[in-house]
Amino acid sequence: MDQVITLIAPPGALRPAFAGETRAALGALGAQAGTPDWLAPGEAADIPFAGLAAEQALAAIRAALGDAPVDAIAQPAEGRRKRLLIADMDSTIVTTETLDELAAFAGLKEEISAITRRAMNGELDFEGALRERVGMLKGLPVSALEQTWAETALMDGAAELVGTMRANDAHCALVSGGFTFFTSRVADLVGFHEHHSNTLLLDGDRLAGKVGEPILGRDAKLATLKRLAAELGLPLAATMAVGDGANDLAMLGAAGLGVAFKAKPVVAASARARVDHCGLRALLFAQGYREHDIRAAMA
């Protein structure tokens, strides 16, 4: 069978009945559905199918599963393992928007978070919104960066995603509209081969209220995906991108597998694949990795 749909749920939440409902939904549309292949008991299963476009299959399965906390990703069975990962940082590899958290030390978290939400949902120009938010932080002590970093947590599954892909010869790059102060630390902590982001300009021991130009935004993320794929001699079909904001849409659309991760509404509605309920391990299961592959990579 030339297509596969992967069901993923929080550990222990994927019941065999969900696989049965998926097969029934595929059969009702005239597709052939194979036997479920459990990648991780209670967490992830592949269901091969044929005779139906992935988009149709996905719509039917999401309708069948209803409000169940199950993510479903449909794609061609061939070429699932990706050789290049491009990942956003804020609200993707880490759990927070680091600029919003930094703003808390200036007493401006609510105001800046409101601008961030609109920019990430595509309601504001990203570059202009970034300049505005950084300008509001002029004069903030540099020590606030360290305090923000100390409170920054990794997203569930981030280390497993990068560690497993690296162990299987994939190149991993962190590409963020955030700042080098944070991406450099996240890259070292998680194991990314490289990181690309923006630079906060300083005035002595305080923020200057300006960001280095040119700003790394939507177009630059797409350009980085294409450049790294070319440098590695890879077709875009062999790449994966993951992010949550409107500035990620171009790279998600161009990658072989672009995943909207717990994304803003405009992004979730546009992306071909999305993860709403699970951690970043879901991106490994979508590539056909098994639980023992993840454990072996992290050992």
C-alpha atoms as a PDB file:
ATOM      1  CA  MET A   1       0.000   0.000   0.000  1.00  0.00           C
ATOM      2  CA  ASP A   2       1.389   3.365  -1.021  1.00  0.00           C
ATOM      3  CA  GLN A   3      -0.039   5.594   1.735  1.00  0.00           C
ATOM      4  CA  VAL A   4       0.142   5.529   5.510  1.00  0.00           C
ATOM      5  CA  ILE A   5      -1.707   7.301   8.254  1.00  0.00           C
ATOM      6  CA  THR A   6      -0.052   7.551  11.650  1.00  0.00           C
ATOM      7  CA  LEU A   7      -2.189   7.881  14.767  1.00  0.00           C
ATOM      8  CA  ILE A   8      -0.438   9.408  17.774  1.00  0.00           C
ATOM      9  CA  ALA A   9      -1.781  10.114  21.259  1.00  0.00           C
ATOM     10  CA  PRO A  10      -0.297  10.977  24.656  1.00  0.00           C
ATOM     11  CA  PRO A  11       1.359   7.845  26.135  1.00  0.00           C
ATOM     12  CA  GLY A  12      -1.241   5.239  27.069  1.00  0.00           C
ATOM     13  CA  ALA A  13      -4.137   7.075  25.411  1.00  0.00           C
ATOM     14  CA  LEU A  14      -4.158   5.405  21.981  1.00  0.00           C
ATOM     15  CA  ARG A  15      -6.626   2.559  22.300  1.00  0.00           C
ATOM     16  CA  PRO A  16      -6.969  -0.232  19.698  1.00  0.00           C
ATOM     17  CA  ALA A  17     -10.523   1.030  19.090  1.00  0.00           C
ATOM     18  CA  PHE A  18      -9.112   4.187  17.523  1.00  0.00           C
ATOM     19  CA  ALA A  19      -7.264   2.104  14.956  1.00  0.00           C
ATOM     20  CA  GLY A  20     -10.476   0.202  14.282  1.00  0.00           C
ATOM     21  CA  GLU A  21     -12.421   3.428  13.759  1.00  0.00           C
ATOM     22  CA  THR A  22      -9.739   4.652  11.383  1.00  0.00           C
ATOM     23  CA  ARG A  23      -9.878   1.503   9.281  1.00  0.00           C
ATOM     24  CA  ALA A  24     -13.665   1.691   9.183  1.00  0.00           C
ATOM     25  CA  ALA A  25     -13.577   5.328   8.051  1.00  0.00           C
ATOM     26  CA  LEU A  26     -11.153   4.449   5.261  1.00  0.00           C
ATOM     27  CA  GLY A  27     -13.232   1.457   4.197  1.00  0.00           C
ATOM     28  CA  ALA A  28     -16.397   3.567   4.067  1.00  0.00           C
ATOM     29  CA  LEU A  29     -14.741   5.675   1.376  1.00  0.00           C
ATOM     30  CA  GLY A  30     -13.716   2.648  -0.663  1.00  0.00           C
ATOM     31  CA  ALA A  31     -10.070   2.590   0.402  1.00  0.00           C
ATOM     32  CA  GLN A  32      -8.090  -0.522   1.254  1.00  0.00           C
ATOM     33  CA  ALA A  33      -6.752  -0.408   4.803  1.00  0.00           C
ATOM     34  CA  GLY A  34      -4.066  -2.693   6.175  1.00  0.00           C
ATOM     35  CA  THR A  35      -3.407  -4.090   9.616  1.00  0.00           C
ATOM     36  CA  PRO A  36      -2.268  -1.531  12.223  1.00  0.00           C
ATOM     37  CA  ASP A  37       1.466  -1.558  12.946  1.00  0.00           C
ATOM     38  CA  TRP A  38       2.062  -0.399  16.503  1.00  0.00           C
ATOM     39  CA  LEU A  39       5.139   1.825  16.701  1.00  0.00           C
ATOM     40  CA  ALA A  40       4.695   2.353  20.436  1.00  0.00           C
ATOM     41  CA  PRO A  41       1.993   0.498  22.391  1.00  0.00           C
ATOM     42  CA  GLY A  42      -0.711   2.869  23.562  1.00  0.00           C
ATOM     43  CA  GLU A  43       0.958   5.822  21.834  1.00  0.00           C
ATOM     44  CA  ALA A  44       1.457   5.451  18.074  1.00  0.00           C
ATOM     45  CA  ALA A  45       0.337   3.192  15.236  1.00  0.00           C
ATOM     46  CA  ASP A  46       0.714   3.153  11.459  1.00  0.00           C
ATOM     47  CA  ILE A  47      -2.212   2.139   9.267  1.00  0.00           C
ATOM     48  CA  PRO A  48      -1.271   1.573   5.616  1.00  0.00           C
ATOM     49  CA  PHE A  49      -3.914   2.317   3.004  1.00  0.00           C
ATOM     50  CA  ALA A  50      -4.455   2.685  -0.725  1.00  0.00           C
ATOM     51  CA  GLY A  51      -7.093   3.947  -3.106  1.00  0.00           C
ATOM     52  CA  LEU A  52      -7.692   7.324  -1.460  1.00  0.00           C
ATOM     53  CA  ALA A  53      -5.887  10.671  -1.477  1.00  0.00           C
ATOM     54  CA  ALA A  54      -4.165  11.565   1.791  1.00  0.00           C
ATOM     55  CA  GLU A  55      -6.247  14.735   2.213  1.00  0.00           C
ATOM     56  CA  GLN A  56      -9.520  12.817   1.884  1.00  0.00           C
ATOM     57  CA  ALA A  57      -8.332  10.123   4.249  1.00  0.00           C
ATOM     58  CA  LEU A  58      -7.268  12.664   6.845  1.00  0.00           C
ATOM     59  CA  ALA A  59     -10.570  14.535   6.768  1.00  0.00           C
ATOM     60  CA  ALA A  60     -12.552  11.307   7.192  1.00  0.00           C
ATOM     61  CA  ILE A  61     -10.387  10.067  10.032  1.00  0.00           C
ATOM     62  CA  ARG A  62     -10.471  13.342  11.952  1.00  0.00           C
ATOM     63  CA  ALA A  63     -14.259  13.299  11.659  1.00  0.00           C
ATOM     64  CA  ALA A  64     -14.390   9.694  12.885  1.00  0.00           C
ATOM     65  CA  LEU A  65     -12.125  10.383  15.864  1.00  0.00           C
ATOM     66  CA  GLY A  66     -14.062  13.496  16.875  1.00  0.00           C
ATOM     67  CA  ASP A  67     -12.754  15.097  20.063  1.00  0.00           C
ATOM     68  CA  ALA A  68     -10.454  12.198  20.985  1.00  0.00           C
ATOM     69  CA  PRO A  69      -6.938  13.399  21.904  1.00  0.00           C
ATOM     70  CA  VAL A  70      -5.416  11.741  18.842  1.00  0.00           C
ATOM     71  CA  ASP A  71      -3.255  13.351  16.172  1.00  0.00           C
ATOM     72  CA  ALA A  72      -3.360  11.891  12.658  1.00  0.00           C
ATOM     73  CA  ILE A  73      -0.792  12.445   9.906  1.00  0.00           C
ATOM     74  CA  ALA A  74      -1.329  11.012   6.412  1.00  0.00           C
ATOM     75  CA  GLN A  75       1.427  10.855   3.801  1.00  0.00           C
ATOM     76  CA  PRO A  76       3.032   8.638   1.144  1.00  0.00           C
ATOM     77  CA  ALA A  77       4.654   5.576   2.675  1.00  0.00           C
ATOM     78  CA  GLU A  78       7.842   6.017   0.670  1.00  0.00           C
ATOM     79  CA  GLY A  79      10.397   8.578   1.804  1.00  0.00           C
ATOM     80  CA  ARG A  80       9.035   9.153   5.308  1.00  0.00           C
ATOM     81  CA  ARG A  81      12.431   9.338   6.983  1.00  0.00           C
ATOM     82  CA  LYS A  82      13.696  12.886   6.604  1.00  0.00           C
ATOM     83  CA  ARG A  83      17.340  13.909   6.352  1.00  0.00           C
ATOM     84  CA  LEU A  84      16.976  17.573   7.308  1.00  0.00           C
ATOM     85  CA  LEU A  85      15.008  19.064  10.201  1.00  0.00           C
ATOM     86  CA  ILE A  86      14.284  22.790  10.355  1.00  0.00           C
ATOM     87  CA  ALA A  87      12.637  23.758  13.646  1.00  0.00           C
ATOM     88  CA  ASP A  88      11.199  26.964  15.049  1.00  0.00           C
ATOM     89  CA  MET A  89      12.144  27.653  18.670  1.00  0.00           C
ATOM     90  CA  ASP A  90       9.481  29.617  20.601  1.00  0.00           C
ATOM     91  CA  SER A  91       6.384  27.559  21.487  1.00  0.00           C
ATOM     92  CA  THR A  92       7.902  24.698  19.481  1.00  0.00           C
ATOM     93  CA  ILE A  93      11.258  23.547  20.847  1.00  0.00           C
ATOM     94  CA  VAL A  94      10.719  25.540  24.049  1.00  0.00           C
ATOM     95  CA  THR A  95       7.362  25.911  25.774  1.00  0.00           C
ATOM     96  CA  THR A  96       7.212  29.708  25.867  1.00  0.00           C
ATOM     97  CA  GLU A  97       7.645  32.819  23.723  1.00  0.00           C
ATOM     98  CA  THR A  98      10.991  33.988  25.089  1.00  0.00           C
ATOM     99  CA  LEU A  99      10.437  37.627  24.093  1.00  0.00           C
ATOM    100  CA  ASP A 100       7.152  37.676  26.017  1.00  0.00           C
ATOM    101  CA  GLU A 101       8.859  36.181  29.070  1.00  0.00           C
ATOM    102  CA  LEU A 102      11.659  38.729  28.793  1.00  0.00           C
ATOM    103  CA  ALA A 103       9.032  41.484  28.701  1.00  0.00           C
ATOM    104  CA  ALA A 104       7.786  40.356  32.119  1.00  0.00           C
ATOM    105  CA  PHE A 105      10.944  41.844  33.652  1.00  0.00           C
ATOM    106  CA  ALA A 106       9.936  45.224  32.237  1.00  0.00           C
ATOM    107  CA  GLY A 107       6.352  44.861  33.470  1.00  0.00           C
ATOM    108  CA  LEU A 108       5.152  44.651  29.860  1.00  0.00           C
ATOM    109  CA  LYS A 109       4.307  40.997  29.397  1.00  0.00           C
ATOM    110  CA  GLU A 110       0.592  41.486  28.705  1.00  0.00           C
ATOM    111  CA  GLU A 111       1.127  44.281  26.183  1.00  0.00           C
ATOM    112  CA  ILE A 112       3.922  42.513  24.317  1.00  0.00           C
ATOM    113  CA  SER A 113       2.194  39.101  24.440  1.00  0.00           C
ATOM    114  CA  ALA A 114      -0.858  40.648  22.763  1.00  0.00           C
ATOM    115  CA  ILE A 115       1.313  41.887  19.880  1.00  0.00           C
ATOM    116  CA  THR A 116       3.032  38.498  19.659  1.00  0.00           C
ATOM    117  CA  ARG A 117      -0.270  36.638  19.384  1.00  0.00           C
ATOM    118  CA  ARG A 118      -1.433  38.854  16.528  1.00  0.00           C
ATOM    119  CA  ALA A 119       1.894  38.585  14.696  1.00  0.00           C
ATOM    120  CA  MET A 120       2.026  34.798  15.072  1.00  0.00           C
ATOM    121  CA  ASN A 121      -1.515  34.509  13.714  1.00  0.00           C
ATOM    122  CA  GLY A 122      -0.586  36.562  10.655  1.00  0.00           C
ATOM    123  CA  GLU A 123      -2.542  39.661  11.648  1.00  0.00           C
ATOM    124  CA  LEU A 124       0.553  41.902  11.818  1.00  0.00           C
ATOM    125  CA  ASP A 125       3.716  42.196   9.741  1.00  0.00           C
ATOM    126  CA  PHE A 126       6.300  40.059  11.557  1.00  0.00           C
ATOM    127  CA  GLU A 127       9.282  42.344  11.056  1.00  0.00           C
ATOM    128  CA  GLY A 128       7.403  45.476  12.111  1.00  0.00           C
ATOM    129  CA  ALA A 129       5.912  43.750  15.146  1.00  0.00           C
ATOM    130  CA  LEU A 130       9.342  42.513  16.218  1.00  0.00           C
ATOM    131  CA  ARG A 131      10.871  45.990  15.986  1.00  0.00           C
ATOM    132  CA  GLU A 132       7.949  47.401  17.980  1.00  0.00           C
ATOM    133  CA  ARG A 133       8.242  44.849  20.768  1.00  0.00           C
ATOM    134  CA  VAL A 134      12.014  45.147  21.036  1.00  0.00           C
ATOM    135  CA  GLY A 135      11.702  48.944  21.117  1.00  0.00           C
ATOM    136  CA  MET A 136       9.415  48.676  24.131  1.00  0.00           C
ATOM    137  CA  LEU A 137      12.208  46.911  26.045  1.00  0.00           C
ATOM    138  CA  LYS A 138      14.788  49.673  25.625  1.00  0.00           C
ATOM    139  CA  GLY A 139      16.773  50.117  28.828  1.00  0.00           C
ATOM    140  CA  LEU A 140      16.022  46.668  30.243  1.00  0.00           C
ATOM    141  CA  PRO A 141      19.101  45.240  32.030  1.00  0.00           C
ATOM    142  CA  VAL A 142      20.931  42.483  30.173  1.00  0.00           C
ATOM    143  CA  SER A 143      20.645  40.398  33.355  1.00  0.00           C
ATOM    144  CA  ALA A 144      16.968  39.909  32.464  1.00  0.00           C
ATOM    145  CA  LEU A 145      18.084  37.718  29.558  1.00  0.00           C
ATOM    146  CA  GLU A 146      19.815  35.323  31.944  1.00  0.00           C
ATOM    147  CA  GLN A 147      16.804  35.310  34.254  1.00  0.00           C
ATOM    148  CA  THR A 148      14.516  34.535  31.325  1.00  0.00           C
ATOM    149  CA  TRP A 149      16.764  31.711  30.167  1.00  0.00           C
ATOM    150  CA  ALA A 150      16.807  30.202  33.661  1.00  0.00           C
ATOM    151  CA  GLU A 151      12.993  29.927  33.500  1.00  0.00           C
ATOM    152  CA  THR A 152      12.827  28.546  29.932  1.00  0.00           C
ATOM    153  CA  ALA A 153      11.753  24.904  29.587  1.00  0.00           C
ATOM    154  CA  LEU A 154      12.067  22.507  26.674  1.00  0.00           C
ATOM    155  CA  MET A 155       8.969  21.198  24.945  1.00  0.00           C
ATOM    156  CA  ASP A 156       8.169  17.573  25.715  1.00  0.00           C
ATOM    157  CA  GLY A 157      10.047  15.376  23.259  1.00  0.00           C
ATOM    158  CA  ALA A 158      12.412  18.067  21.955  1.00  0.00           C
ATOM    159  CA  ALA A 159      15.603  16.266  22.974  1.00  0.00           C
ATOM    160  CA  GLU A 160      14.250  12.942  21.698  1.00  0.00           C
ATOM    161  CA  LEU A 161      13.322  14.433  18.335  1.00  0.00           C
ATOM    162  CA  VAL A 162      16.730  15.948  17.671  1.00  0.00           C
ATOM    163  CA  GLY A 163      18.699  13.129  19.303  1.00  0.00           C
ATOM    164  CA  THR A 164      16.956  10.405  17.313  1.00  0.00           C
ATOM    165  CA  MET A 165      17.202  12.233  13.997  1.00  0.00           C
ATOM    166  CA  ARG A 166      20.891  13.005  14.578  1.00  0.00           C
ATOM    167  CA  ALA A 167      21.543   9.372  15.451  1.00  0.00           C
ATOM    168  CA  ASN A 168      20.070   8.487  12.069  1.00  0.00           C
ATOM    169  CA  ASP A 169      22.272  10.913  10.124  1.00  0.00           C
ATOM    170  CA  ALA A 170      19.792  13.770   9.761  1.00  0.00           C
ATOM    171  CA  HIS A 171      20.991  17.379   9.921  1.00  0.00           C
ATOM    172  CA  CYS A 172      19.118  19.506  12.472  1.00  0.00           C
ATOM    173  CA  ALA A 173      18.868  23.293  12.356  1.00  0.00           C
ATOM    174  CA  LEU A 174      17.105  25.681  14.722  1.00  0.00           C
ATOM    175  CA  VAL A 175      15.736  28.636  12.723  1.00  0.00           C
ATOM    176  CA  SER A 176      13.939  31.231  14.810  1.00  0.00           C
ATOM    177  CA  GLY A 177      12.499  34.717  14.639  1.00  0.00           C
ATOM    178  CA  GLY A 178      13.746  34.991  18.227  1.00  0.00           C
ATOM    179  CA  PHE A 179      17.212  35.874  19.413  1.00  0.00           C
ATOM    180  CA  THR A 180      20.691  34.378  19.325  1.00  0.00           C
ATOM    181  CA  PHE A 181      21.016  34.694  23.104  1.00  0.00           C
ATOM    182  CA  PHE A 182      18.381  31.963  23.411  1.00  0.00           C
ATOM    183  CA  THR A 183      18.875  29.931  20.213  1.00  0.00           C
ATOM    184  CA  SER A 184      22.573  29.396  20.976  1.00  0.00           C
ATOM    185  CA  ARG A 185      21.717  27.941  24.368  1.00  0.00           C
ATOM    186  CA  VAL A 186      18.822  25.832  23.096  1.00  0.00           C
ATOM    187  CA  ALA A 187      20.963  24.489  20.244  1.00  0.00           C
ATOM    188  CA  ASP A 188      23.699  23.444  22.684  1.00  0.00           C
ATOM    189  CA  LEU A 189      21.238  21.912  25.136  1.00  0.00           C
ATOM    190  CA  VAL A 190      19.211  19.926  22.610  1.00  0.00           C
ATOM    191  CA  GLY A 191      21.927  19.074  20.085  1.00  0.00           C
ATOM    192  CA  PHE A 192      21.077  21.055  16.951  1.00  0.00           C
ATOM    193  CA  HIS A 193      23.903  21.197  14.441  1.00  0.00           C
ATOM    194  CA  GLU A 194      23.355  24.932  13.892  1.00  0.00           C
ATOM    195  CA  HIS A 195      21.079  27.822  14.789  1.00  0.00           C
ATOM    196  CA  HIS A 196      19.923  30.980  13.004  1.00  0.00           C
ATOM    197  CA  SER A 197      17.980  33.868  14.568  1.00  0.00           C
ATOM    198  CA  ASN A 198      18.001  37.601  15.284  1.00  0.00           C
ATOM    199  CA  THR A 199      20.387  39.699  17.381  1.00  0.00           C
ATOM    200  CA  LEU A 200      19.339  41.989  20.214  1.00  0.00           C
ATOM    201  CA  LEU A 201      21.492  45.122  20.152  1.00  0.00           C
ATOM    202  CA  LEU A 202      22.933  46.335  23.440  1.00  0.00           C
ATOM    203  CA  ASP A 203      23.835  49.692  24.924  1.00  0.00           C
ATOM    204  CA  GLY A 204      26.369  48.773  27.564  1.00  0.00           C
ATOM    205  CA  ASP A 205      24.647  46.494  30.053  1.00  0.00           C
ATOM    206  CA  ARG A 206      21.146  47.349  28.829  1.00  0.00           C
ATOM    207  CA  LEU A 207      19.026  46.598  25.779  1.00  0.00           C
ATOM    208  CA  ALA A 208      19.290  49.281  23.111  1.00  0.00           C
ATOM    209  CA  GLY A 209      15.698  48.723  21.997  1.00  0.00           C
ATOM    210  CA  LYS A 210      16.814  47.667  18.539  1.00  0.00           C
ATOM    211  CA  VAL A 211      17.256  44.405  16.663  1.00  0.00           C
ATOM    212  CA  GLY A 212      20.032  43.707  14.179  1.00  0.00           C
ATOM    213  CA  GLU A 213      19.117  43.955  10.503  1.00  0.00           C
ATOM    214  CA  PRO A 214      18.105  42.219   8.346  1.00  0.00           C
ATOM    215  CA  ILE A 215      15.470  40.529  10.467  1.00  0.00           C
ATOM    216  CA  LEU A 216      15.104  36.784  10.148  1.00  0.00           C
ATOM    217  CA  GLY A 217      11.428  36.346   9.332  1.00  0.00           C
ATOM    218  CA  ARG A 218       9.163  34.255   7.124  1.00  0.00           C
ATOM    219  CA  ASP A 219      11.167  34.606   3.903  1.00  0.00           C
ATOM    220  CA  ALA A 220      14.478  33.958   5.650  1.00  0.00           C
ATOM    221  CA  LYS A 221      13.164  30.751   7.223  1.00  0.00           C
ATOM    222  CA  LEU A 222      12.138  29.469   3.805  1.00  0.00           C
ATOM    223  CA  ALA A 223      15.469  30.526   2.311  1.00  0.00           C
ATOM    224  CA  THR A 224      17.358  28.687   5.068  1.00  0.00           C
ATOM    225  CA  LEU A 225      15.393  25.494   4.403  1.00  0.00           C
ATOM    226  CA  LYS A 226      16.176  25.660   0.692  1.00  0.00           C
ATOM    227  CA  ARG A 227      19.827  26.602   1.207  1.00  0.00           C
ATOM    228  CA  LEU A 228      20.546  23.809   3.675  1.00  0.00           C
ATOM    229  CA  ALA A 229      18.766  21.241   1.508  1.00  0.00           C
ATOM    230  CA  ALA A 230      20.882  22.314  -1.473  1.00  0.00           C
ATOM    231  CA  GLU A 231      24.107  22.245   0.551  1.00  0.00           C
ATOM    232  CA  LEU A 232      23.305  18.730   1.752  1.00  0.00           C
ATOM    233  CA  GLY A 233      22.306  17.591  -1.728  1.00  0.00           C
ATOM    234  CA  LEU A 234      18.762  16.790  -0.624  1.00  0.00           C
ATOM    235  CA  PRO A 235      15.461  17.262  -2.437  1.00  0.00           C
ATOM    236  CA  LEU A 236      12.888  19.219  -0.446  1.00  0.00           C
ATOM    237  CA  ALA A 237      10.899  15.973  -0.213  1.00  0.00           C
ATOM    238  CA  ALA A 238      13.593  14.727   2.192  1.00  0.00           C
ATOM    239  CA  THR A 239      13.108  17.622   4.620  1.00  0.00           C
ATOM    240  CA  MET A 240      10.913  18.254   7.643  1.00  0.00           C
ATOM    241  CA  ALA A 241       9.923  21.616   9.108  1.00  0.00           C
ATOM    242  CA  VAL A 242       8.026  22.311  12.316  1.00  0.00           C
ATOM    243  CA  GLY A 243       6.647  25.519  13.777  1.00  0.00           C
ATOM    244  CA  ASP A 244       3.588  27.230  15.215  1.00  0.00           C
ATOM    245  CA  GLY A 245       3.427  30.766  13.827  1.00  0.00           C
ATOM    246  CA  ALA A 246       2.496  32.557  10.620  1.00  0.00           C
ATOM    247  CA  ASN A 247       6.177  33.271   9.954  1.00  0.00           C
ATOM    248  CA  ASP A 248       6.646  29.473   9.679  1.00  0.00           C
ATOM    249  CA  LEU A 249       4.012  28.935   6.984  1.00  0.00           C
ATOM    250  CA  ALA A 250       6.299  29.297   3.970  1.00  0.00           C
ATOM    251  CA  MET A 251       8.831  26.750   5.226  1.00  0.00           C
ATOM    252  CA  LEU A 252       6.073  24.367   6.343  1.00  0.00           C
ATOM    253  CA  GLY A 253       4.580  24.500   2.869  1.00  0.00           C
ATOM    254  CA  ALA A 254       7.886  23.885   1.110  1.00  0.00           C
ATOM    255  CA  ALA A 255       9.202  21.028   3.287  1.00  0.00           C
ATOM    256  CA  GLY A 256       8.543  17.409   2.426  1.00  0.00           C
ATOM    257  CA  LEU A 257       6.679  17.164   5.725  1.00  0.00           C
ATOM    258  CA  GLY A 258       5.663  20.481   7.265  1.00  0.00           C
ATOM    259  CA  VAL A 259       4.109  20.110  10.710  1.00  0.00           C
ATOM    260  CA  ALA A 260       2.073  22.796  12.456  1.00  0.00           C
ATOM    261  CA  PHE A 261       2.822  22.113  16.118  1.00  0.00           C
ATOM    262  CA  LYS A 262       0.137  23.245  18.577  1.00  0.00           C
ATOM    263  CA  ALA A 263      -0.128  26.093  16.136  1.00  0.00           C
ATOM    264  CA  LYS A 264      -1.960  29.375  15.853  1.00  0.00           C
ATOM    265  CA  PRO A 265      -5.332  29.038  14.058  1.00  0.00           C
ATOM    266  CA  VAL A 266      -4.181  30.405  10.693  1.00  0.00           C
ATOM    267  CA  VAL A 267      -1.249  27.986  10.684  1.00  0.00           C
ATOM    268  CA  ALA A 268      -3.220  24.923  11.793  1.00  0.00           C
ATOM    269  CA  ALA A 269      -5.795  25.621   9.080  1.00  0.00           C
ATOM    270  CA  SER A 270      -3.171  25.878   6.330  1.00  0.00           C
ATOM    271  CA  ALA A 271      -0.630  23.166   7.131  1.00  0.00           C
ATOM    272  CA  ARG A 272      -0.824  19.723   5.541  1.00  0.00           C
ATOM    273  CA  ALA A 273       0.086  18.048   8.831  1.00  0.00           C
ATOM    274  CA  ARG A 274      -0.520  19.173  12.379  1.00  0.00           C
ATOM    275  CA  VAL A 275       0.055  18.010  15.932  1.00  0.00           C
ATOM    276  CA  ASP A 276      -2.451  19.334  18.455  1.00  0.00           C
ATOM    277  CA  HIS A 277      -2.361  16.872  21.353  1.00  0.00           C
ATOM    278  CA  CYS A 278       1.093  15.304  21.616  1.00  0.00           C
ATOM    279  CA  GLY A 279       4.701  16.266  22.208  1.00  0.00           C
ATOM    280  CA  LEU A 280       7.478  16.361  19.643  1.00  0.00           C
ATOM    281  CA  ARG A 281       7.918  12.578  19.685  1.00  0.00           C
ATOM    282  CA  ALA A 282       4.960  12.673  17.295  1.00  0.00           C
ATOM    283  CA  LEU A 283       7.312  13.888  14.561  1.00  0.00           C
ATOM    284  CA  LEU A 284       9.412  10.764  15.008  1.00  0.00           C
ATOM    285  CA  PHE A 285       6.421   8.434  14.810  1.00  0.00           C
ATOM    286  CA  ALA A 286       5.285  10.283  11.678  1.00  0.00           C
ATOM    287  CA  GLN A 287       8.601   9.234  10.137  1.00  0.00           C
ATOM    288  CA  GLY A 288       8.083   5.609  11.096  1.00  0.00           C
ATOM    289  CA  TYR A 289      10.472   5.504  14.042  1.00  0.00           C
ATOM    290  CA  ARG A 290       9.573   2.998  16.760  1.00  0.00           C
ATOM    291  CA  GLU A 291       9.771   3.354  20.515  1.00  0.00           C
ATOM    292  CA  HIS A 292      12.936   1.235  20.638  1.00  0.00           C
ATOM    293  CA  ASP A 293      14.585   3.483  18.006  1.00  0.00           C
ATOM    294  CA  ILE A 294      14.018   6.483  20.258  1.00  0.00           C
ATOM    295  CA  ARG A 295      15.310   4.682  23.343  1.00  0.00           C
ATOM    296  CA  ALA A 296      18.414   3.497  21.476  1.00  0.00           C
ATOM    297  CA  ALA A 297      19.184   7.002  20.240  1.00  0.00           C
ATOM    298  CA  MET A 298      18.919   8.462  23.731  1.00  0.00           C
ATOM    299  CA  ALA A 299      20.883   5.716  25.484  1.00  0.00           C
END
